[in-house]
Structures are given as structure tokens and as C-alpha cells.
Amino acid sequence: VEEKLSLKECAFIKSTDKLLWLHTFEGEKYRLNGTMDEWAEKLKHSNFYRINRQYISSFRAIKSTEQTETRKLK
């Protein structure tokens, strides 16, 4: 079953075991087709940020950031 969601509902996309999952602000989870690179390209002009190889996040879902000693974001 295919569902359409508004980007406003989407909090982040997470890659787990080569599968992509879209998580909403309401706590729902949906399986996505495609790759992280494809979704990063689709969302690059839509207030989403590729955090690392596993996450693409809505700017609204990021509360704060902190850089670690290894230059990664926390």
C-alpha cells in the first residue's frame, strides 16, 4: 500500500540494514524505496539536511548540535 505524506509530517529518514525508514513527528514509521543518495537529492531544497550516511533530518527535528572531538556532530 502506497501512502502520500506531507513533508511537514516527516521528521527524519534512517537507513537500517540497507532499508530506508521514514519517521514522522507523530512516531509513525514507513518503509521507503530508493537510496539515501536519491532521497538526499530529492530533498535538498526542502529544509532537510543529510546528517551522515544513516540519517536525513528535517531542520524542524534538530533541536541542537554539538561537534565532538572527532569532528562529528552529536
N, C-alpha and C. Protein backbone atom coordinates (compact mmCIF):
# COMPACT_ATOMS: atom_id res chain seq x y z
N VAL A 1 0.85 -1.17 0.00
CA VAL A 1 0.00 0.00 0.00
C VAL A 1 0.89 1.24 0.00
N GLU A 2 0.62 2.13 -0.90
CA GLU A 2 1.41 3.35 -1.01
C GLU A 2 0.64 4.50 -0.37
N GLU A 3 1.33 5.28 0.46
CA GLU A 3 0.71 6.43 1.11
C GLU A 3 1.49 7.69 0.76
N LYS A 4 0.77 8.80 0.69
CA LYS A 4 1.43 10.08 0.48
C LYS A 4 1.40 10.85 1.78
N LEU A 5 2.56 11.40 2.14
CA LEU A 5 2.69 12.20 3.35
C LEU A 5 3.17 13.59 2.97
N SER A 6 2.75 14.55 3.72
CA SER A 6 3.27 15.90 3.56
C SER A 6 4.67 15.96 4.14
N LEU A 7 5.56 16.75 3.54
CA LEU A 7 6.91 16.89 4.10
C LEU A 7 6.87 17.45 5.51
N LYS A 8 5.83 18.21 5.84
CA LYS A 8 5.69 18.76 7.20
C LYS A 8 5.55 17.67 8.25
N GLU A 9 5.05 16.49 7.85
CA GLU A 9 4.88 15.37 8.77
C GLU A 9 6.16 14.57 8.97
N CYS A 10 7.14 14.72 8.09
CA CYS A 10 8.34 13.90 8.08
C CYS A 10 9.42 14.48 8.98
N ALA A 11 9.84 13.70 9.97
CA ALA A 11 10.89 14.15 10.88
C ALA A 11 12.27 13.76 10.37
N PHE A 12 12.45 12.48 10.01
CA PHE A 12 13.75 12.05 9.51
C PHE A 12 13.63 10.75 8.75
N ILE A 13 14.68 10.45 7.99
CA ILE A 13 14.82 9.18 7.27
C ILE A 13 16.05 8.50 7.85
N LYS A 14 15.89 7.22 8.16
CA LYS A 14 17.00 6.46 8.74
C LYS A 14 17.25 5.21 7.90
N SER A 15 18.52 4.93 7.65
CA SER A 15 18.92 3.72 6.95
C SER A 15 19.29 2.67 7.99
N THR A 16 18.62 1.51 7.92
CA THR A 16 18.89 0.40 8.84
C THR A 16 18.99 -0.88 8.03
N ASP A 17 20.12 -1.55 8.08
CA ASP A 17 20.32 -2.81 7.35
C ASP A 17 19.93 -2.67 5.87
N LYS A 18 20.36 -1.60 5.25
CA LYS A 18 20.14 -1.30 3.83
C LYS A 18 18.67 -1.04 3.47
N LEU A 19 17.84 -0.82 4.46
CA LEU A 19 16.45 -0.43 4.24
C LEU A 19 16.27 1.00 4.73
N LEU A 20 15.42 1.77 4.06
CA LEU A 20 15.16 3.15 4.46
C LEU A 20 13.81 3.23 5.15
N TRP A 21 13.78 3.96 6.26
CA TRP A 21 12.57 4.15 7.04
C TRP A 21 12.34 5.63 7.25
N LEU A 22 11.14 6.07 6.94
CA LEU A 22 10.74 7.46 7.19
C LEU A 22 10.01 7.50 8.52
N HIS A 23 10.43 8.38 9.41
CA HIS A 23 9.81 8.54 10.73
C HIS A 23 9.08 9.88 10.75
N THR A 24 7.86 9.88 11.23
CA THR A 24 7.08 11.11 11.31
C THR A 24 7.21 11.73 12.70
N PHE A 25 6.76 12.97 12.81
CA PHE A 25 6.74 13.63 14.11
C PHE A 25 5.74 12.97 15.06
N GLU A 26 4.78 12.23 14.52
CA GLU A 26 3.77 11.54 15.31
C GLU A 26 4.24 10.16 15.78
N GLY A 27 5.47 9.76 15.39
CA GLY A 27 6.01 8.49 15.82
C GLY A 27 5.71 7.32 14.89
N GLU A 28 5.10 7.60 13.74
CA GLU A 28 4.84 6.54 12.77
C GLU A 28 6.09 6.27 11.95
N LYS A 29 6.15 5.07 11.36
CA LYS A 29 7.34 4.66 10.60
C LYS A 29 6.87 4.02 9.30
N TYR A 30 7.49 4.43 8.17
CA TYR A 30 7.12 3.93 6.86
C TYR A 30 8.37 3.51 6.10
N ARG A 31 8.27 2.42 5.36
CA ARG A 31 9.36 1.93 4.52
C ARG A 31 9.42 2.77 3.25
N LEU A 32 10.64 3.18 2.86
CA LEU A 32 10.84 3.96 1.63
C LEU A 32 11.61 3.14 0.60
N ASN A 33 11.30 3.36 -0.65
CA ASN A 33 12.08 2.80 -1.74
C ASN A 33 13.18 3.79 -2.12
N GLY A 34 14.28 3.28 -2.65
CA GLY A 34 15.37 4.15 -3.10
C GLY A 34 16.56 4.08 -2.17
N THR A 35 17.51 4.96 -2.44
CA THR A 35 18.75 5.01 -1.64
C THR A 35 18.82 6.34 -0.89
N MET A 36 19.73 6.41 0.07
CA MET A 36 19.93 7.66 0.80
C MET A 36 20.36 8.76 -0.15
N ASP A 37 21.23 8.44 -1.09
CA ASP A 37 21.68 9.45 -2.05
C ASP A 37 20.51 9.99 -2.87
N GLU A 38 19.62 9.11 -3.31
CA GLU A 38 18.45 9.54 -4.08
C GLU A 38 17.54 10.45 -3.26
N TRP A 39 17.30 10.07 -2.00
CA TRP A 39 16.43 10.89 -1.15
C TRP A 39 17.10 12.22 -0.77
N ALA A 40 18.40 12.20 -0.55
CA ALA A 40 19.11 13.45 -0.26
C ALA A 40 18.98 14.41 -1.43
N GLU A 41 19.08 13.89 -2.64
CA GLU A 41 18.93 14.73 -3.84
C GLU A 41 17.50 15.26 -3.96
N LYS A 42 16.51 14.40 -3.73
CA LYS A 42 15.10 14.82 -3.82
C LYS A 42 14.75 15.90 -2.80
N LEU A 43 15.37 15.82 -1.61
CA LEU A 43 15.00 16.71 -0.51
C LEU A 43 15.95 17.90 -0.32
N LYS A 44 16.93 18.06 -1.21
CA LYS A 44 17.97 19.07 -0.96
C LYS A 44 17.45 20.50 -0.92
N HIS A 45 16.30 20.78 -1.50
CA HIS A 45 15.74 22.13 -1.47
C HIS A 45 14.51 22.21 -0.56
N SER A 46 14.38 21.29 0.38
CA SER A 46 13.15 21.18 1.17
C SER A 46 13.37 21.21 2.68
N ASN A 47 14.32 21.95 3.17
CA ASN A 47 14.57 22.05 4.61
C ASN A 47 14.91 20.72 5.27
N PHE A 48 15.62 19.87 4.54
CA PHE A 48 16.14 18.63 5.09
C PHE A 48 17.66 18.66 4.98
N TYR A 49 18.32 18.00 5.91
CA TYR A 49 19.78 18.02 5.99
C TYR A 49 20.30 16.59 6.12
N ARG A 50 21.26 16.22 5.30
CA ARG A 50 21.88 14.89 5.41
C ARG A 50 22.91 14.96 6.53
N ILE A 51 22.60 14.32 7.63
CA ILE A 51 23.46 14.37 8.81
C ILE A 51 24.69 13.49 8.64
N ASN A 52 24.47 12.27 8.16
CA ASN A 52 25.56 11.33 7.91
C ASN A 52 25.06 10.26 6.94
N ARG A 53 25.76 9.14 6.84
CA ARG A 53 25.36 8.10 5.90
C ARG A 53 24.04 7.43 6.28
N GLN A 54 23.64 7.55 7.55
CA GLN A 54 22.44 6.86 8.01
C GLN A 54 21.21 7.75 8.19
N TYR A 55 21.36 9.07 8.25
CA TYR A 55 20.24 9.95 8.57
C TYR A 55 20.11 11.14 7.63
N ILE A 56 18.88 11.43 7.27
CA ILE A 56 18.49 12.70 6.66
C ILE A 56 17.41 13.25 7.59
N SER A 57 17.58 14.47 8.07
CA SER A 57 16.66 15.02 9.06
C SER A 57 16.02 16.32 8.60
N SER A 58 14.79 16.50 9.00
CA SER A 58 14.12 17.78 8.82
C SER A 58 14.80 18.78 9.75
N PHE A 59 14.95 20.02 9.30
CA PHE A 59 15.51 21.04 10.19
C PHE A 59 14.67 21.18 11.45
N ARG A 60 13.36 20.98 11.33
CA ARG A 60 12.46 21.10 12.49
C ARG A 60 12.73 20.03 13.55
N ALA A 61 13.29 18.89 13.15
CA ALA A 61 13.54 17.79 14.09
C ALA A 61 14.86 17.96 14.84
N ILE A 62 15.71 18.89 14.42
CA ILE A 62 17.00 19.10 15.06
C ILE A 62 16.83 20.17 16.14
N LYS A 63 17.05 19.76 17.39
CA LYS A 63 16.90 20.71 18.50
C LYS A 63 18.20 21.44 18.81
N SER A 64 19.32 20.74 18.71
CA SER A 64 20.62 21.37 18.93
C SER A 64 21.70 20.47 18.33
N THR A 65 22.88 21.03 18.14
CA THR A 65 24.01 20.25 17.65
C THR A 65 25.24 20.56 18.49
N GLU A 66 26.14 19.62 18.48
CA GLU A 66 27.40 19.78 19.20
C GLU A 66 28.46 19.01 18.44
N GLN A 67 29.59 19.62 18.20
CA GLN A 67 30.66 18.93 17.49
C GLN A 67 31.51 18.15 18.49
N THR A 68 31.83 16.89 18.16
CA THR A 68 32.64 16.06 19.05
C THR A 68 34.12 16.25 18.73
N GLU A 69 34.96 15.63 19.52
CA GLU A 69 36.40 15.72 19.31
C GLU A 69 36.83 15.11 17.98
N THR A 70 36.05 14.18 17.46
CA THR A 70 36.37 13.54 16.19
C THR A 70 35.71 14.26 15.00
N ARG A 71 35.26 15.48 15.23
CA ARG A 71 34.65 16.34 14.21
C ARG A 71 33.31 15.83 13.70
N LYS A 72 32.64 15.01 14.48
CA LYS A 72 31.30 14.53 14.13
C LYS A 72 30.28 15.37 14.88
N LEU A 73 29.07 15.39 14.37
CA LEU A 73 28.00 16.11 15.06
C LEU A 73 27.30 15.18 16.03
N LYS A 74 26.94 15.74 17.16
CA LYS A 74 26.22 14.99 18.18
C LYS A 74 24.85 15.60 18.33
